[in-house]
């Protein structure tokens, strides 16, 4: 076992996070982040009256919510793994902060909706 940490450039590629399996490029990641933001905004259209009117409306809401969560999970994983490489890298801290902001917005939007369902 090594006594000191290796620099990222000294670590074999096969021993690093394969973030390109999540998104081939940062541009694709940023495009997806924008789509997720738009999807989260779209959840605001689910009013209490609409959701509680029928089971099919509730199912529609849950399907949208599931799609957002799957995309969020993948995007947050990408931003976290990139930040983990070098936690002093401002660029990846910023990308991770962006994703945490989107997740916070998601939680802010769904909290009242979930209270209507309960």
Protein backbone atom coordinates (compact mmCIF):
# COMPACT_ATOMS: atom_id res chain seq x y z
CA UNK A 1 0.00 0.00 0.00
CA UNK A 2 1.38 3.41 -0.97
CA UNK A 3 2.29 5.88 1.78
CA UNK A 4 1.31 8.94 -0.20
CA UNK A 5 -1.52 9.76 -2.53
CA UNK A 6 -0.79 9.75 -6.22
CA UNK A 7 -1.67 12.69 -8.40
CA UNK A 8 -4.50 12.05 -10.81
CA UNK A 9 -2.07 12.06 -13.72
CA UNK A 10 -0.14 9.22 -12.02
CA UNK A 11 -3.16 6.94 -11.59
CA UNK A 12 -3.80 4.31 -14.24
CA UNK A 13 -6.94 5.05 -16.27
CA UNK A 14 -8.48 1.70 -15.32
CA UNK A 15 -8.28 2.77 -11.66
CA UNK A 16 -10.24 6.00 -12.16
CA UNK A 17 -13.94 6.82 -12.33
CA UNK A 18 -15.33 6.09 -15.80
CA UNK A 19 -17.44 9.26 -15.95
CA UNK A 20 -17.52 9.04 -19.73
CA UNK A 21 -19.84 6.05 -19.27
CA UNK A 22 -22.36 8.52 -17.78
CA UNK A 23 -21.83 11.34 -20.28
CA UNK A 24 -19.32 11.22 -23.11
CA UNK A 25 -18.65 14.95 -22.83
CA UNK A 26 -19.25 17.75 -20.39
CA UNK A 27 -21.38 19.45 -23.03
CA UNK A 28 -23.78 16.48 -23.05
CA UNK A 29 -23.91 16.64 -19.26
CA UNK A 30 -24.74 20.36 -19.36
CA UNK A 31 -27.47 19.78 -21.96
CA UNK A 32 -29.00 17.13 -19.70
CA UNK A 33 -28.81 19.46 -16.70
CA UNK A 34 -30.81 22.02 -18.69
CA UNK A 35 -33.40 19.39 -19.62
CA UNK A 36 -33.75 18.37 -15.98
CA UNK A 37 -34.28 21.99 -14.93
CA UNK A 38 -37.05 22.30 -17.52
CA UNK A 39 -38.63 19.05 -16.36
CA UNK A 40 -38.59 20.20 -12.74
CA UNK A 41 -40.30 23.44 -13.75
CA UNK A 42 -42.90 21.34 -15.56
CA UNK A 43 -43.84 19.62 -12.30
CA UNK A 44 -45.28 22.93 -11.14
CA UNK A 45 -48.18 22.38 -13.55
CA UNK A 46 -49.43 19.53 -11.35
CA UNK A 47 -51.97 21.30 -9.16
CA UNK A 48 -53.65 19.75 -6.13
CA UNK A 49 -56.95 19.69 -8.00
CA UNK A 50 -55.43 17.93 -10.99
CA UNK A 51 -53.48 15.30 -9.05
CA UNK A 52 -56.30 14.40 -6.69
CA UNK A 53 -58.94 14.27 -9.45
CA UNK A 54 -58.04 10.78 -10.63
CA UNK A 55 -55.65 7.90 -10.26
CA UNK A 56 -54.42 8.37 -13.83
CA UNK A 57 -53.36 11.94 -13.01
CA UNK A 58 -51.47 10.70 -9.97
CA UNK A 59 -49.77 8.03 -12.07
CA UNK A 60 -48.81 10.66 -14.63
CA UNK A 61 -47.19 12.73 -11.86
CA UNK A 62 -45.29 9.73 -10.48
CA UNK A 63 -44.00 8.78 -13.94
CA UNK A 64 -42.68 12.32 -14.51
CA UNK A 65 -41.16 12.32 -11.05
CA UNK A 66 -39.46 8.97 -11.67
CA UNK A 67 -37.97 10.15 -14.96
CA UNK A 68 -36.57 13.26 -13.28
CA UNK A 69 -35.08 11.26 -10.41
CA UNK A 70 -33.36 8.81 -12.77
CA UNK A 71 -31.85 11.70 -14.72
CA UNK A 72 -30.90 13.55 -11.54
CA UNK A 73 -29.17 10.47 -10.13
CA UNK A 74 -27.05 10.06 -13.24
CA UNK A 75 -26.18 13.75 -13.47
CA UNK A 76 -25.35 14.13 -9.79
CA UNK A 77 -23.19 11.03 -9.97
CA UNK A 78 -21.29 12.56 -12.90
CA UNK A 79 -20.76 15.89 -11.14
CA UNK A 80 -19.76 14.27 -7.83
CA UNK A 81 -17.29 11.84 -9.42
CA UNK A 82 -15.64 14.65 -11.36
CA UNK A 83 -15.42 16.79 -8.22
CA UNK A 84 -13.99 13.86 -6.25
CA UNK A 85 -11.01 13.74 -8.58
CA UNK A 86 -9.76 17.03 -7.17
CA UNK A 87 -11.94 18.71 -4.57
CA UNK A 88 -9.96 21.93 -5.00
CA UNK A 89 -10.98 22.22 -8.67
CA UNK A 90 -13.36 25.20 -8.83
CA UNK A 91 -14.82 24.12 -12.15
CA UNK A 92 -16.09 20.78 -10.91
CA UNK A 93 -17.18 22.28 -7.59
CA UNK A 94 -19.31 24.65 -9.65
CA UNK A 95 -20.83 21.84 -11.74
CA UNK A 96 -21.62 19.88 -8.61
CA UNK A 97 -23.13 22.99 -7.01
CA UNK A 98 -25.32 23.43 -10.11
CA UNK A 99 -26.64 19.88 -9.76
CA UNK A 100 -27.24 20.28 -6.03
CA UNK A 101 -29.18 23.46 -6.85
CA UNK A 102 -31.35 21.60 -9.35
CA UNK A 103 -31.96 18.85 -6.81
CA UNK A 104 -32.93 21.44 -4.20
CA UNK A 105 -35.36 23.01 -6.68
CA UNK A 106 -36.85 19.58 -7.36
CA UNK A 107 -37.39 18.99 -3.64
CA UNK A 108 -38.92 22.45 -3.27
CA UNK A 109 -41.41 21.73 -6.06
CA UNK A 110 -42.43 18.22 -4.97
CA UNK A 111 -42.73 18.84 -1.21
CA UNK A 112 -46.17 20.47 -1.36
CA UNK A 113 -47.35 18.02 -4.02
CA UNK A 114 -46.37 15.07 -1.85
CA UNK A 115 -48.30 16.58 1.07
CA UNK A 116 -51.47 16.63 -1.06
CA UNK A 117 -51.07 12.94 -1.82
CA UNK A 118 -50.50 11.93 1.77
